[in-house]
Protein backbone atom coordinates (compact mmCIF):
# COMPACT_ATOMS: atom_id res chain seq x y z
CA UNK A 1 -0.11 0.01 0.08
CA UNK A 2 1.52 3.44 -1.04
CA UNK A 3 0.56 6.91 -1.13
CA UNK A 4 1.60 8.90 -4.27
CA UNK A 5 -0.59 11.97 -4.53
CA UNK A 6 -0.17 15.25 -2.66
CA UNK A 7 -2.76 16.55 -0.18
CA UNK A 8 -4.57 19.75 -0.55
CA UNK A 9 -5.02 19.76 3.49
CA UNK A 10 -1.28 20.01 3.90
CA UNK A 11 -0.78 16.22 4.94
CA UNK A 12 2.66 14.64 4.04
CA UNK A 13 3.06 12.43 1.39
CA UNK A 14 4.28 9.24 2.83
CA UNK A 15 5.86 6.21 1.56
CA UNK A 16 4.83 2.46 1.93
CA UNK A 17 2.80 1.29 5.05
CA UNK A 18 4.65 -0.90 7.75
CA UNK A 19 3.29 -2.27 10.68
CA UNK A 20 5.44 -3.49 13.51
CA UNK A 21 4.26 -5.93 16.62
CA UNK A 22 5.04 -5.14 20.02
CA UNK A 23 5.38 -8.01 22.47
CA UNK A 24 1.75 -7.29 24.07
CA UNK A 25 0.32 -7.31 20.81
CA UNK A 26 1.73 -9.64 18.74
CA UNK A 27 -1.54 -11.70 17.77
CA UNK A 28 -3.51 -8.55 17.20
CA UNK A 29 -0.94 -7.23 15.09
CA UNK A 30 -0.81 -10.33 12.73
CA UNK A 31 -4.56 -9.95 12.36
CA UNK A 32 -4.44 -6.38 11.57
CA UNK A 33 -2.03 -7.24 8.97
CA UNK A 34 -4.22 -9.76 7.65
CA UNK A 35 -7.10 -7.61 7.31
CA UNK A 36 -4.92 -5.14 5.20
CA UNK A 37 -3.28 -7.91 3.12
CA UNK A 38 0.17 -6.99 4.55
CA UNK A 39 3.29 -8.51 5.80
CA UNK A 40 4.01 -8.14 9.35
CA UNK A 41 6.73 -5.68 10.09
CA UNK A 42 10.16 -7.72 11.30
CA UNK A 43 11.98 -6.62 14.19
CA UNK A 44 14.01 -8.48 16.83
CA UNK A 45 12.90 -7.68 20.53
CA UNK A 46 14.58 -9.58 23.38
CA UNK A 47 16.37 -8.78 26.56
CA UNK A 48 19.91 -8.03 27.75
CA UNK A 49 21.27 -10.34 30.45
CA UNK A 50 20.31 -7.21 33.18
CA UNK A 51 16.77 -7.07 31.83
CA UNK A 52 17.00 -4.11 29.59
CA UNK A 53 14.99 -4.26 26.50
CA UNK A 54 17.05 -4.99 23.33
CA UNK A 55 15.37 -3.97 19.79
CA UNK A 56 16.62 -4.06 16.16
CA UNK A 57 14.41 -3.18 12.95
CA UNK A 58 14.94 -6.05 10.36
CA UNK A 59 12.97 -4.14 7.60
CA UNK A 60 14.26 -1.00 6.21
CA UNK A 61 11.82 1.87 7.20
CA UNK A 62 13.40 4.97 5.56
CA UNK A 63 10.88 7.11 4.24
CA UNK A 64 8.00 4.75 5.12
CA UNK A 65 4.64 5.37 7.21
CA UNK A 66 5.29 2.97 10.24
CA UNK A 67 2.89 2.07 12.67
CA UNK A 68 3.84 0.18 16.05
CA UNK A 69 1.21 -1.69 17.72
CA UNK A 70 1.80 -2.34 21.54
CA UNK A 71 -0.66 -2.31 24.51
CA UNK A 72 0.54 -1.05 27.78
CA UNK A 73 -0.94 -3.95 29.71
CA UNK A 74 0.85 -5.95 32.50
CA UNK A 75 3.74 -6.05 32.82
CA UNK A 76 2.60 -2.50 32.28
CA UNK A 77 6.48 -0.75 32.71
CA UNK A 78 8.14 -3.28 30.50
CA UNK A 79 5.54 -2.77 27.61
CA UNK A 80 5.56 0.94 27.92
CA UNK A 81 9.28 1.14 27.83
CA UNK A 82 9.30 -1.21 24.63
CA UNK A 83 6.84 1.23 23.10
CA UNK A 84 9.21 4.10 23.69
CA UNK A 85 12.27 2.28 22.36
CA UNK A 86 10.40 1.13 19.33
CA UNK A 87 9.44 4.95 18.69
CA UNK A 88 13.15 6.05 19.20
CA UNK A 89 14.46 3.28 16.87
CA UNK A 90 11.88 4.08 14.01
CA UNK A 91 12.80 7.71 14.38
CA UNK A 92 16.64 7.13 14.30
CA UNK A 93 16.05 4.92 11.29
CA UNK A 94 14.51 7.81 9.48
CA UNK A 95 10.63 6.48 9.07
CA UNK A 96 8.75 9.35 7.37
CA UNK A 97 5.86 9.08 9.78
CA UNK A 98 5.46 7.05 13.23
CA UNK A 99 2.12 6.06 14.64
CA UNK A 100 2.02 4.39 18.05
CA UNK A 101 -1.09 2.37 17.96
CA UNK A 102 -2.05 1.70 21.67
CA UNK A 103 -4.98 -0.67 22.00
CA UNK A 104 -4.80 -0.19 25.80
CA UNK A 105 -3.44 2.53 27.07
CA UNK A 106 -2.16 2.07 30.72
CA UNK A 107 -1.80 4.40 33.43
CA UNK A 108 -5.18 6.00 32.54
CA UNK A 109 -6.76 5.93 35.69
CA UNK A 110 -4.60 8.65 37.22
CA UNK A 111 -5.77 11.25 34.97
CA UNK A 112 -6.19 14.36 37.45
CA UNK A 113 -5.17 15.10 41.08
CA UNK A 114 -7.96 13.77 42.98
CA UNK A 115 -6.10 14.45 46.20
CA UNK A 116 -3.02 16.22 47.10
CA UNK A 117 0.54 14.99 46.62
CA UNK A 118 -0.26 12.81 43.90
CA UNK A 119 0.84 12.53 40.37
CA UNK A 120 -1.22 12.84 36.88
CA UNK A 121 0.28 9.58 35.57
CA UNK A 122 -1.64 9.71 32.14
CA UNK A 123 0.05 13.20 31.42
CA UNK A 124 3.47 11.72 32.43
CA UNK A 125 2.92 8.95 30.00
CA UNK A 126 1.58 11.06 27.12
CA UNK A 127 4.58 13.21 27.50
CA UNK A 128 6.91 10.46 27.45
CA UNK A 129 5.33 8.99 24.06
CA UNK A 130 5.60 12.44 22.46
CA UNK A 131 8.90 13.05 23.39
CA UNK A 132 10.19 9.81 22.09
CA UNK A 133 9.36 11.16 18.64
CA UNK A 134 5.81 9.74 17.79
CA UNK A 135 3.83 11.69 15.13
CA UNK A 136 0.18 10.70 16.02
CA UNK A 137 -1.51 8.06 18.36
CA UNK A 138 -4.24 5.63 17.68
CA UNK A 139 -5.88 4.16 20.83
CA UNK A 140 -9.18 2.45 21.92
CA UNK A 141 -11.63 3.22 24.81
CA UNK A 142 -9.64 5.33 27.07
CA UNK A 143 -10.45 5.38 30.39
CA UNK A 144 -11.00 9.01 30.37
CA UNK A 145 -11.75 10.88 27.32
CA UNK A 146 -9.67 13.98 28.15
CA UNK A 147 -6.49 11.92 27.78
CA UNK A 148 -6.74 13.00 24.27
CA UNK A 149 -6.02 16.46 25.15
CA UNK A 150 -2.73 15.46 26.93
CA UNK A 151 -1.08 14.84 23.59
CA UNK A 152 0.35 17.57 21.59
CA UNK A 153 -0.26 15.69 18.57
CA UNK A 154 -3.03 14.02 16.77
CA UNK A 155 -4.84 11.42 18.80
CA UNK A 156 -7.47 8.97 17.17
CA UNK A 157 -9.70 7.66 19.71
CA UNK A 158 -11.57 4.39 18.58
CA UNK A 159 -14.43 2.76 20.29
CA UNK A 160 -15.12 -1.05 20.35
CA UNK A 161 -19.10 -0.49 20.20
CA UNK A 162 -19.41 -1.79 16.94
CA UNK A 163 -17.64 -4.99 17.58
CA UNK A 164 -19.49 -5.51 20.96
CA UNK A 165 -22.78 -4.39 19.74
CA UNK A 166 -22.82 -6.64 16.80
CA UNK A 167 -21.90 -9.46 19.03
CA UNK A 168 -25.16 -8.97 21.32
CA UNK A 169 -27.21 -8.34 18.27
CA UNK A 170 -26.24 -11.79 17.06
CA UNK A 171 -26.80 -13.10 20.40
CA UNK A 172 -30.50 -11.91 20.42
CA UNK A 173 -30.61 -11.44 24.33
CA UNK A 174 -34.51 -11.23 25.03
CA UNK A 175 -35.91 -8.73 27.40
CA UNK A 176 -32.67 -7.04 27.72
CA UNK A 177 -31.82 -3.87 29.71
CA UNK A 178 -28.41 -1.98 29.41
CA UNK A 179 -27.15 -1.25 32.97
CA UNK A 180 -24.71 1.44 33.56
CA UNK A 181 -22.34 0.24 36.52
CA UNK A 182 -21.98 3.95 37.62
CA UNK A 183 -23.09 7.41 36.65
CA UNK A 184 -19.99 8.14 35.15
CA UNK A 185 -20.61 5.22 32.51
CA UNK A 186 -23.83 6.82 31.66
CA UNK A 187 -22.72 8.27 28.01
CA UNK A 188 -21.28 4.65 27.25
CA UNK A 189 -24.35 2.72 28.50
CA UNK A 190 -26.66 5.29 26.56
CA UNK A 191 -24.76 4.48 23.41
CA UNK A 192 -25.18 0.74 23.93
CA UNK A 193 -28.80 0.91 24.56
CA UNK A 194 -29.37 3.08 21.49
CA UNK A 195 -27.63 0.93 19.33
CA UNK A 196 -29.42 -2.25 20.84
CA UNK A 197 -32.86 -0.64 21.17
CA UNK A 198 -32.72 -1.33 24.74
CA UNK A 199 -34.00 0.27 27.90
CA UNK A 200 -31.58 1.55 30.60
CA UNK A 201 -30.95 1.60 34.29
CA UNK A 202 -28.16 2.96 36.23
CA UNK A 203 -26.20 1.65 39.53
CA UNK A 204 -25.45 4.05 42.08
CA UNK A 205 -21.62 3.09 42.85
CA UNK A 206 -19.30 4.41 45.39
CA UNK A 207 -15.71 3.78 45.17
CA UNK A 208 -14.29 2.53 48.55
CA UNK A 209 -10.47 1.74 47.63
CA UNK A 210 -8.58 1.39 44.18
CA UNK A 211 -9.64 -2.50 44.60
CA UNK A 212 -13.10 -2.05 45.85
CA UNK A 213 -16.44 -0.45 44.91
CA UNK A 214 -19.69 -0.61 46.59
CA UNK A 215 -22.81 -0.72 44.60
CA UNK A 216 -25.89 0.89 46.89
CA UNK A 217 -29.06 1.20 44.67
CA UNK A 218 -30.26 0.75 41.02
CA UNK A 219 -32.36 3.63 39.27
CA UNK A 220 -34.57 1.73 36.96
CA UNK A 221 -36.38 -1.69 36.68
CA UNK A 222 -34.45 -4.92 36.19
CA UNK A 223 -36.66 -7.57 37.74
CA UNK A 224 -37.11 -10.60 35.54
CA UNK A 225 -35.06 -8.71 32.89
CA UNK A 226 -31.68 -9.76 31.24
CA UNK A 227 -29.16 -7.46 32.01
CA UNK A 228 -26.11 -6.14 29.82
CA UNK A 229 -23.41 -4.36 31.34
CA UNK A 230 -20.70 -2.30 29.33
CA UNK A 231 -17.54 -0.93 30.40
CA UNK A 232 -14.20 0.08 29.01
CA UNK A 233 -12.25 -2.63 31.18
CA UNK A 234 -12.43 -5.28 33.69
CA UNK A 235 -9.62 -4.87 36.01
CA UNK A 236 -9.98 -6.38 39.44
CA UNK A 237 -13.78 -7.22 38.77
CA UNK A 238 -14.89 -5.55 41.89
CA UNK A 239 -17.21 -3.22 39.92
CA UNK A 240 -18.58 -6.39 38.22
CA UNK A 241 -19.27 -8.38 41.45
CA UNK A 242 -20.78 -5.53 43.36
CA UNK A 243 -23.18 -4.79 40.27
CA UNK A 244 -24.08 -8.50 39.68
CA UNK A 245 -24.98 -9.07 43.49
CA UNK A 246 -27.54 -5.81 43.49
CA UNK A 247 -28.99 -6.92 40.37
CA UNK A 248 -29.73 -10.27 41.61
CA UNK A 249 -31.16 -8.83 44.67
CA UNK A 250 -33.03 -6.66 42.59
CA UNK A 251 -34.70 -9.62 40.62
CA UNK A 252 -32.58 -9.53 37.57
CA UNK A 253 -32.29 -12.84 35.62
CA UNK A 254 -28.99 -13.53 33.68
CA UNK A 255 -26.12 -11.10 33.49
CA UNK A 256 -23.81 -10.37 30.56
CA UNK A 257 -20.87 -7.99 30.69
CA UNK A 258 -19.02 -6.52 27.69
CA UNK A 259 -15.87 -4.99 28.09
CA UNK A 260 -13.04 -3.81 25.84
CA UNK A 261 -9.76 -4.43 27.85
CA UNK A 262 -9.87 -7.80 29.80
CA UNK A 263 -7.01 -6.30 32.30
CA UNK A 264 -8.02 -9.03 35.04
CA UNK A 265 -5.70 -8.10 37.74
CA UNK A 266 -5.49 -9.45 41.10
CA UNK A 267 -8.67 -11.13 42.55
CA UNK A 268 -10.29 -10.66 38.96
CA UNK A 269 -10.62 -14.26 38.25
CA UNK A 270 -12.10 -15.23 41.69
CA UNK A 271 -14.57 -12.21 41.67
CA UNK A 272 -16.01 -13.38 38.26
CA UNK A 273 -16.41 -16.89 39.21
CA UNK A 274 -18.48 -15.59 42.38
CA UNK A 275 -20.26 -13.27 40.00
CA UNK A 276 -21.65 -16.35 38.10
CA UNK A 277 -22.06 -14.24 34.71
CA UNK A 278 -24.18 -15.76 31.70
CA UNK A 279 -21.27 -14.59 29.42
CA UNK A 280 -18.14 -12.04 29.72
CA UNK A 281 -17.35 -10.90 26.47
CA UNK A 282 -14.02 -8.99 25.86
CA UNK A 283 -11.85 -7.84 22.89
CA UNK A 284 -8.10 -8.55 22.13
CA UNK A 285 -6.69 -5.34 22.81
CA UNK A 286 -5.08 -7.09 25.67
CA UNK A 287 -3.99 -10.75 25.00
CA UNK A 288 -5.83 -13.26 27.28
CA UNK A 289 -3.82 -16.34 28.29
CA UNK A 290 -4.94 -19.77 28.09
CA UNK A 291 -5.25 -20.03 32.03
CA UNK A 292 -7.47 -17.13 31.86
CA UNK A 293 -9.57 -18.79 29.38
CA UNK A 294 -9.83 -21.99 31.40
CA UNK A 295 -10.66 -20.30 34.87
CA UNK A 296 -13.29 -18.06 33.16
CA UNK A 297 -14.81 -20.95 30.83
CA UNK A 298 -17.80 -18.29 29.74
CA UNK A 299 -15.35 -15.77 28.12
CA UNK A 300 -15.74 -14.70 24.61
CA UNK A 301 -12.97 -12.98 22.97
CA UNK A 302 -13.95 -10.59 20.05
CA UNK A 303 -11.20 -9.12 17.67
CA UNK A 304 -10.74 -5.59 17.19
CA UNK A 305 -8.12 -6.32 14.08
CA UNK A 306 -10.53 -5.23 11.34
CA UNK A 307 -11.76 -2.37 12.90
CA UNK A 308 -8.17 -1.11 14.01
CA UNK A 309 -6.65 -2.28 10.56
CA UNK A 310 -9.33 -0.03 8.64
CA UNK A 311 -8.42 3.14 11.01
CA UNK A 312 -4.81 2.45 10.13
CA UNK A 313 -5.74 2.41 6.46
CA UNK A 314 -7.48 5.60 6.71
CA UNK A 315 -4.76 7.34 8.54
CA UNK A 316 -2.30 6.18 5.93
CA UNK A 317 -4.71 7.20 3.20
CA UNK A 318 -5.25 10.78 4.92
CA UNK A 319 -8.98 9.90 5.10
CA UNK A 320 -11.74 10.45 7.99
CA UNK A 321 -11.67 8.05 11.08
CA UNK A 322 -15.09 9.49 12.12
CA UNK A 323 -16.59 8.46 9.06
CA UNK A 324 -15.59 4.96 10.17
CA UNK A 325 -18.06 4.89 12.81
CA UNK A 326 -20.93 6.61 11.08
CA UNK A 327 -20.66 3.45 8.74
CA UNK A 328 -21.67 1.43 11.59
CA UNK A 329 -24.64 3.49 13.20
């Protein structure tokens, strides 16, 4: 795939498209390249004896439009550092343009000073990525939309809504009600309810600690209804467990959870097993281990590769990203 025309909007005329996989997104990158009928970019990534990341590009990237796909999921610091090294390597190898494709953006929950003497880590990470030499960022379902403004470069923010909604449309859950797990998630829940033509309810949730949230009451009717809960991530699954317990107390039937990012940290597996979900549906923005699949049993993994691949193609061809989502409405 090659761009040969000049752009009236001042965009750069870039060369052949190349997509490189980070260690935390190898399978996803392969699927993205398959959707675009492109070979996967070749690079050697390993460790020095002292644990430092070693990287060497095995493809010539001079003058090329380069994308590096890397989720900053656990081990977060290792994966983030690898992304920074990748960007620096591509810049020093004279890539024409570098786009960091970050399916899951870690360190996103500290996006403001909620109390004194705390960092704004999301802004720090954005600064690190920009200073490494990247030209633009493509990411999916940021924990907070305002993180886009932490970058002084273009950021394309995708949503997995078309992928998740299409799955539940095929599933055909009867008597469904979309429940927002907290007031902050209301916008997302409304978008899913509109797409699925379902009614809505809201859970009043109060966060007790970083690992625990308490659900207090439900605004709306869930009795004898099947419940669909959508969120950007499942981290420790505290929200899911508390919400499920409250929903069952109010007479809900089966509970389905759809989440973009399966972080599944700490007690997540144990809590999800106690929640007795009908189905947990996640995407492949974070690779799910075989152990996690076995422990969860009722998990369904959907791929966002075609969606991300089309976004990459549109960025490369200087086409609209927002038009991509209008096609799915």
